[in-house]
């Protein structure tokens, strides 16, 4: 949750739409399997329709969490 809060605070200075989690070995965070996807979905992340291991959570959604 700390990372989401920091992302929200940063979005006040730098335009950003969402936090994205994707399957990429060079990425800082990987959704490498369906179990990992379920983990992120518990925190309101949504999958991209045609890329089930790529997830996002909008800044508006994150802001509602900390309101």
C-alpha atoms as a PDB file:
ATOM      1  CA  UNK A   1       0.000   0.000   0.000  1.00  0.00           C
ATOM      2  CA  UNK A   2       2.928   2.312   0.616  1.00  0.00           C
ATOM      3  CA  UNK A   3       3.953   2.084  -3.041  1.00  0.00           C
ATOM      4  CA  UNK A   4       0.424   2.981  -4.135  1.00  0.00           C
ATOM      5  CA  UNK A   5       0.350   5.967  -1.784  1.00  0.00           C
ATOM      6  CA  UNK A   6       3.728   7.163  -3.058  1.00  0.00           C
ATOM      7  CA  UNK A   7       2.500   6.752  -6.636  1.00  0.00           C
ATOM      8  CA  UNK A   8      -0.581   8.816  -5.818  1.00  0.00           C
ATOM      9  CA  UNK A   9       1.520  11.554  -4.238  1.00  0.00           C
ATOM     10  CA  UNK A  10       3.870  11.579  -7.252  1.00  0.00           C
ATOM     11  CA  UNK A  11       0.883  11.887  -9.587  1.00  0.00           C
ATOM     12  CA  UNK A  12       0.216  15.314  -8.084  1.00  0.00           C
ATOM     13  CA  UNK A  13       3.499  16.516  -9.595  1.00  0.00           C
ATOM     14  CA  UNK A  14       3.779  14.317 -12.691  1.00  0.00           C
ATOM     15  CA  UNK A  15       0.843  13.356 -14.877  1.00  0.00           C
ATOM     16  CA  UNK A  16       0.055   9.667 -14.528  1.00  0.00           C
ATOM     17  CA  UNK A  17      -3.051   7.643 -15.216  1.00  0.00           C
ATOM     18  CA  UNK A  18      -2.397   4.323 -13.533  1.00  0.00           C
ATOM     19  CA  UNK A  19       0.009   1.953 -11.859  1.00  0.00           C
ATOM     20  CA  UNK A  20       0.771  -0.970 -14.182  1.00  0.00           C
ATOM     21  CA  UNK A  21       2.021  -4.477 -13.373  1.00  0.00           C
ATOM     22  CA  UNK A  22       3.217  -6.546 -16.305  1.00  0.00           C
ATOM     23  CA  UNK A  23       5.008  -9.790 -17.065  1.00  0.00           C
ATOM     24  CA  UNK A  24       8.494  -8.640 -17.970  1.00  0.00           C
ATOM     25  CA  UNK A  25      11.687 -10.043 -16.523  1.00  0.00           C
ATOM     26  CA  UNK A  26      13.291  -6.583 -16.682  1.00  0.00           C
ATOM     27  CA  UNK A  27      10.399  -5.034 -14.736  1.00  0.00           C
ATOM     28  CA  UNK A  28      10.576  -4.176 -11.057  1.00  0.00           C
ATOM     29  CA  UNK A  29       7.350  -6.102 -10.409  1.00  0.00           C
ATOM     30  CA  UNK A  30       6.194  -9.111 -12.384  1.00  0.00           C
ATOM     31  CA  UNK A  31       2.839 -10.827 -12.527  1.00  0.00           C
ATOM     32  CA  UNK A  32       4.360 -14.119 -13.559  1.00  0.00           C
ATOM     33  CA  UNK A  33       1.410 -16.449 -13.156  1.00  0.00           C
ATOM     34  CA  UNK A  34      -2.282 -16.685 -12.344  1.00  0.00           C
ATOM     35  CA  UNK A  35      -1.558 -16.854  -8.621  1.00  0.00           C
ATOM     36  CA  UNK A  36       0.269 -13.526  -8.797  1.00  0.00           C
ATOM     37  CA  UNK A  37      -2.619 -12.048 -10.802  1.00  0.00           C
ATOM     38  CA  UNK A  38      -5.056 -13.104  -8.063  1.00  0.00           C
ATOM     39  CA  UNK A  39      -2.795 -11.428  -5.490  1.00  0.00           C
ATOM     40  CA  UNK A  40      -2.915  -8.095  -7.338  1.00  0.00           C
ATOM     41  CA  UNK A  41      -6.655  -8.392  -7.937  1.00  0.00           C
ATOM     42  CA  UNK A  42      -7.166  -8.459  -4.157  1.00  0.00           C
ATOM     43  CA  UNK A  43      -5.824  -4.896  -4.252  1.00  0.00           C
ATOM     44  CA  UNK A  44      -8.270  -3.787  -6.990  1.00  0.00           C
ATOM     45  CA  UNK A  45      -5.904  -4.221  -9.938  1.00  0.00           C
ATOM     46  CA  UNK A  46      -7.650  -5.108 -13.201  1.00  0.00           C
ATOM     47  CA  UNK A  47      -6.292  -7.150 -16.077  1.00  0.00           C
ATOM     48  CA  UNK A  48      -5.978  -5.840 -19.600  1.00  0.00           C
ATOM     49  CA  UNK A  49      -8.546  -7.744 -21.713  1.00  0.00           C
ATOM     50  CA  UNK A  50      -6.113  -9.371 -24.126  1.00  0.00           C
ATOM     51  CA  UNK A  51      -3.103  -9.549 -21.781  1.00  0.00           C
ATOM     52  CA  UNK A  52      -4.133 -11.485 -18.673  1.00  0.00           C
ATOM     53  CA  UNK A  53      -0.760 -11.168 -16.940  1.00  0.00           C
ATOM     54  CA  UNK A  54      -0.697  -7.374 -17.347  1.00  0.00           C
ATOM     55  CA  UNK A  55      -2.634  -5.464 -14.702  1.00  0.00           C
ATOM     56  CA  UNK A  56      -3.418  -1.848 -13.858  1.00  0.00           C
ATOM     57  CA  UNK A  57      -5.032   0.269 -11.178  1.00  0.00           C
ATOM     58  CA  UNK A  58      -6.111   3.809 -12.002  1.00  0.00           C
ATOM     59  CA  UNK A  59      -5.010   6.797  -9.968  1.00  0.00           C
ATOM     60  CA  UNK A  60      -8.680   7.654  -9.344  1.00  0.00           C
ATOM     61  CA  UNK A  61      -9.182   4.224  -7.810  1.00  0.00           C
ATOM     62  CA  UNK A  62      -6.043   4.603  -5.704  1.00  0.00           C
ATOM     63  CA  UNK A  63      -7.177   8.059  -4.550  1.00  0.00           C
ATOM     64  CA  UNK A  64     -10.481   6.587  -3.359  1.00  0.00           C
ATOM     65  CA  UNK A  65      -8.539   4.141  -1.190  1.00  0.00           C
ATOM     66  CA  UNK A  66      -6.771   6.970   0.616  1.00  0.00           C
ATOM     67  CA  UNK A  67      -9.707   9.387   0.788  1.00  0.00           C
END
